[in-house]
């Protein structure tokens, strides 16, 4: 039988963190091919990876990855969709059970941008 080994990332390097209003986040996500946002611990967000390269693939094997940007807004309760004031609606995926995403929300809440 094949052994499966869960190996969480040791480090995730984030190049940019952008806080938007709910309206701006919903409108931005609605223009993407995959119009889904993620929610955990009071944070609605979308994350963008840096384009893959051979060098980044080596880092992945070593347990590190790089995110180009994380765009978020405060969003207290999970709902299946989020709607802007102009009635643009996007799907929201509840990732509350993901340790990685809970850690991300915790990290975001400690960044100076959280209270801006």
C-alpha atoms as a PDB file:
ATOM      1  CA  UNK A   1       0.000   0.000   0.000  1.00  0.00           C
ATOM      2  CA  UNK A   2       1.134   3.559  -0.718  1.00  0.00           C
ATOM      3  CA  UNK A   3       2.135   5.681   2.254  1.00  0.00           C
ATOM      4  CA  UNK A   4       0.695   9.177   2.373  1.00  0.00           C
ATOM      5  CA  UNK A   5       2.609  11.800   4.309  1.00  0.00           C
ATOM      6  CA  UNK A   6       1.082  15.160   5.195  1.00  0.00           C
ATOM      7  CA  UNK A   7       3.777  17.835   5.105  1.00  0.00           C
ATOM      8  CA  UNK A   8       2.519  21.355   5.783  1.00  0.00           C
ATOM      9  CA  UNK A   9       4.492  24.266   4.390  1.00  0.00           C
ATOM     10  CA  UNK A  10       7.335  25.431   6.603  1.00  0.00           C
ATOM     11  CA  UNK A  11       7.006  28.981   5.251  1.00  0.00           C
ATOM     12  CA  UNK A  12       4.794  30.949   2.894  1.00  0.00           C
ATOM     13  CA  UNK A  13       6.310  34.159   1.594  1.00  0.00           C
ATOM     14  CA  UNK A  14       3.703  36.819   0.795  1.00  0.00           C
ATOM     15  CA  UNK A  15       4.777  39.613  -1.526  1.00  0.00           C
ATOM     16  CA  UNK A  16       1.752  41.888  -1.065  1.00  0.00           C
ATOM     17  CA  UNK A  17      -1.271  42.149   1.226  1.00  0.00           C
ATOM     18  CA  UNK A  18      -4.177  44.286   0.057  1.00  0.00           C
ATOM     19  CA  UNK A  19      -7.221  45.187   2.133  1.00  0.00           C
ATOM     20  CA  UNK A  20     -10.330  46.170   0.168  1.00  0.00           C
ATOM     21  CA  UNK A  21     -13.896  47.052   0.986  1.00  0.00           C
ATOM     22  CA  UNK A  22     -16.417  44.241   0.518  1.00  0.00           C
ATOM     23  CA  UNK A  23     -17.753  45.964  -2.623  1.00  0.00           C
ATOM     24  CA  UNK A  24     -14.308  46.260  -4.178  1.00  0.00           C
ATOM     25  CA  UNK A  25     -13.352  42.671  -3.297  1.00  0.00           C
ATOM     26  CA  UNK A  26     -16.596  41.232  -4.702  1.00  0.00           C
ATOM     27  CA  UNK A  27     -16.300  43.294  -7.890  1.00  0.00           C
ATOM     28  CA  UNK A  28     -12.668  42.276  -8.383  1.00  0.00           C
ATOM     29  CA  UNK A  29     -13.335  38.565  -7.806  1.00  0.00           C
ATOM     30  CA  UNK A  30     -16.376  38.605 -10.095  1.00  0.00           C
ATOM     31  CA  UNK A  31     -14.098  39.512 -13.030  1.00  0.00           C
ATOM     32  CA  UNK A  32     -11.898  36.427 -12.568  1.00  0.00           C
ATOM     33  CA  UNK A  33     -12.434  33.101 -14.339  1.00  0.00           C
ATOM     34  CA  UNK A  34     -12.878  31.345 -11.020  1.00  0.00           C
ATOM     35  CA  UNK A  35     -15.165  33.710  -9.137  1.00  0.00           C
ATOM     36  CA  UNK A  36     -14.829  32.198  -5.660  1.00  0.00           C
ATOM     37  CA  UNK A  37     -13.631  33.737  -2.433  1.00  0.00           C
ATOM     38  CA  UNK A  38     -12.511  31.878   0.671  1.00  0.00           C
ATOM     39  CA  UNK A  39     -13.714  32.500   4.219  1.00  0.00           C
ATOM     40  CA  UNK A  40     -12.264  31.569   7.589  1.00  0.00           C
ATOM     41  CA  UNK A  41     -12.233  33.174  11.042  1.00  0.00           C
ATOM     42  CA  UNK A  42     -13.819  36.467   9.998  1.00  0.00           C
ATOM     43  CA  UNK A  43     -11.741  36.965   6.846  1.00  0.00           C
ATOM     44  CA  UNK A  44     -12.976  36.856   3.242  1.00  0.00           C
ATOM     45  CA  UNK A  45     -10.028  36.561   0.879  1.00  0.00           C
ATOM     46  CA  UNK A  46      -8.480  35.449  -2.361  1.00  0.00           C
ATOM     47  CA  UNK A  47      -4.818  34.508  -2.822  1.00  0.00           C
ATOM     48  CA  UNK A  48      -2.707  34.619  -5.954  1.00  0.00           C
ATOM     49  CA  UNK A  49       0.345  32.419  -6.435  1.00  0.00           C
ATOM     50  CA  UNK A  50       3.475  33.514  -8.247  1.00  0.00           C
ATOM     51  CA  UNK A  51       3.860  31.870 -11.657  1.00  0.00           C
ATOM     52  CA  UNK A  52       5.565  28.511 -11.396  1.00  0.00           C
ATOM     53  CA  UNK A  53       9.209  28.091 -12.290  1.00  0.00           C
ATOM     54  CA  UNK A  54      11.811  25.389 -11.822  1.00  0.00           C
ATOM     55  CA  UNK A  55      13.325  27.344  -8.939  1.00  0.00           C
ATOM     56  CA  UNK A  56       9.947  27.718  -7.206  1.00  0.00           C
ATOM     57  CA  UNK A  57       9.278  24.004  -7.687  1.00  0.00           C
ATOM     58  CA  UNK A  58      12.493  23.250  -5.786  1.00  0.00           C
ATOM     59  CA  UNK A  59      11.349  25.564  -2.966  1.00  0.00           C
ATOM     60  CA  UNK A  60       7.984  23.734  -2.848  1.00  0.00           C
ATOM     61  CA  UNK A  61       9.814  20.441  -2.286  1.00  0.00           C
ATOM     62  CA  UNK A  62      11.730  22.124   0.548  1.00  0.00           C
ATOM     63  CA  UNK A  63       8.440  23.198   2.155  1.00  0.00           C
ATOM     64  CA  UNK A  64       8.306  26.841   1.064  1.00  0.00           C
ATOM     65  CA  UNK A  65       6.019  28.642  -1.344  1.00  0.00           C
ATOM     66  CA  UNK A  66       5.493  32.178  -2.565  1.00  0.00           C
ATOM     67  CA  UNK A  67       2.255  34.119  -2.893  1.00  0.00           C
ATOM     68  CA  UNK A  68       2.125  37.137  -5.169  1.00  0.00           C
ATOM     69  CA  UNK A  69      -0.676  38.726  -3.181  1.00  0.00           C
ATOM     70  CA  UNK A  70      -3.469  38.132  -0.712  1.00  0.00           C
ATOM     71  CA  UNK A  71      -6.492  40.388  -1.070  1.00  0.00           C
ATOM     72  CA  UNK A  72      -8.960  40.424   1.812  1.00  0.00           C
ATOM     73  CA  UNK A  73     -11.721  42.131   3.718  1.00  0.00           C
ATOM     74  CA  UNK A  74     -13.137  41.639   7.190  1.00  0.00           C
ATOM     75  CA  UNK A  75     -16.260  39.472   6.970  1.00  0.00           C
ATOM     76  CA  UNK A  76     -17.626  38.338  10.330  1.00  0.00           C
ATOM     77  CA  UNK A  77     -19.877  35.413   9.446  1.00  0.00           C
ATOM     78  CA  UNK A  78     -19.669  32.776   6.742  1.00  0.00           C
ATOM     79  CA  UNK A  79     -22.322  32.973   4.033  1.00  0.00           C
ATOM     80  CA  UNK A  80     -22.521  30.863   0.866  1.00  0.00           C
ATOM     81  CA  UNK A  81     -22.348  33.989  -1.264  1.00  0.00           C
ATOM     82  CA  UNK A  82     -21.194  37.574  -0.799  1.00  0.00           C
ATOM     83  CA  UNK A  83     -22.991  40.431  -2.496  1.00  0.00           C
ATOM     84  CA  UNK A  84     -21.865  43.955  -3.248  1.00  0.00           C
ATOM     85  CA  UNK A  85     -24.074  47.020  -2.838  1.00  0.00           C
ATOM     86  CA  UNK A  86     -24.665  46.865  -6.608  1.00  0.00           C
ATOM     87  CA  UNK A  87     -25.925  43.256  -6.344  1.00  0.00           C
ATOM     88  CA  UNK A  88     -22.826  41.620  -7.847  1.00  0.00           C
ATOM     89  CA  UNK A  89     -22.612  38.212  -6.184  1.00  0.00           C
ATOM     90  CA  UNK A  90     -19.763  35.722  -5.770  1.00  0.00           C
ATOM     91  CA  UNK A  91     -19.509  32.256  -4.258  1.00  0.00           C
ATOM     92  CA  UNK A  92     -17.796  31.886  -0.904  1.00  0.00           C
ATOM     93  CA  UNK A  93     -16.059  28.667   0.123  1.00  0.00           C
ATOM     94  CA  UNK A  94     -15.823  27.921   3.834  1.00  0.00           C
ATOM     95  CA  UNK A  95     -12.251  26.807   4.530  1.00  0.00           C
ATOM     96  CA  UNK A  96     -12.610  27.017   8.313  1.00  0.00           C
ATOM     97  CA  UNK A  97     -11.457  23.409   8.702  1.00  0.00           C
ATOM     98  CA  UNK A  98      -8.141  24.114   6.966  1.00  0.00           C
ATOM     99  CA  UNK A  99      -5.311  24.661   9.436  1.00  0.00           C
ATOM    100  CA  UNK A 100      -3.350  26.504   6.743  1.00  0.00           C
ATOM    101  CA  UNK A 101      -6.127  29.022   6.106  1.00  0.00           C
ATOM    102  CA  UNK A 102      -6.846  29.507   9.812  1.00  0.00           C
ATOM    103  CA  UNK A 103      -3.141  30.269  10.268  1.00  0.00           C
ATOM    104  CA  UNK A 104      -3.363  32.725   7.359  1.00  0.00           C
ATOM    105  CA  UNK A 105      -6.329  34.529   8.968  1.00  0.00           C
ATOM    106  CA  UNK A 106      -4.481  34.699  12.280  1.00  0.00           C
ATOM    107  CA  UNK A 107      -1.407  36.117  10.545  1.00  0.00           C
ATOM    108  CA  UNK A 108      -3.471  38.704   8.640  1.00  0.00           C
ATOM    109  CA  UNK A 109      -5.068  39.910  11.878  1.00  0.00           C
ATOM    110  CA  UNK A 110      -1.579  40.640  13.264  1.00  0.00           C
ATOM    111  CA  UNK A 111      -0.530  42.758  10.284  1.00  0.00           C
ATOM    112  CA  UNK A 112      -0.742  46.576  10.537  1.00  0.00           C
ATOM    113  CA  UNK A 113      -3.042  46.654   7.487  1.00  0.00           C
ATOM    114  CA  UNK A 114      -5.751  44.762   9.430  1.00  0.00           C
ATOM    115  CA  UNK A 115      -6.704  47.907  11.386  1.00  0.00           C
ATOM    116  CA  UNK A 116      -6.365  50.397   8.538  1.00  0.00           C
END
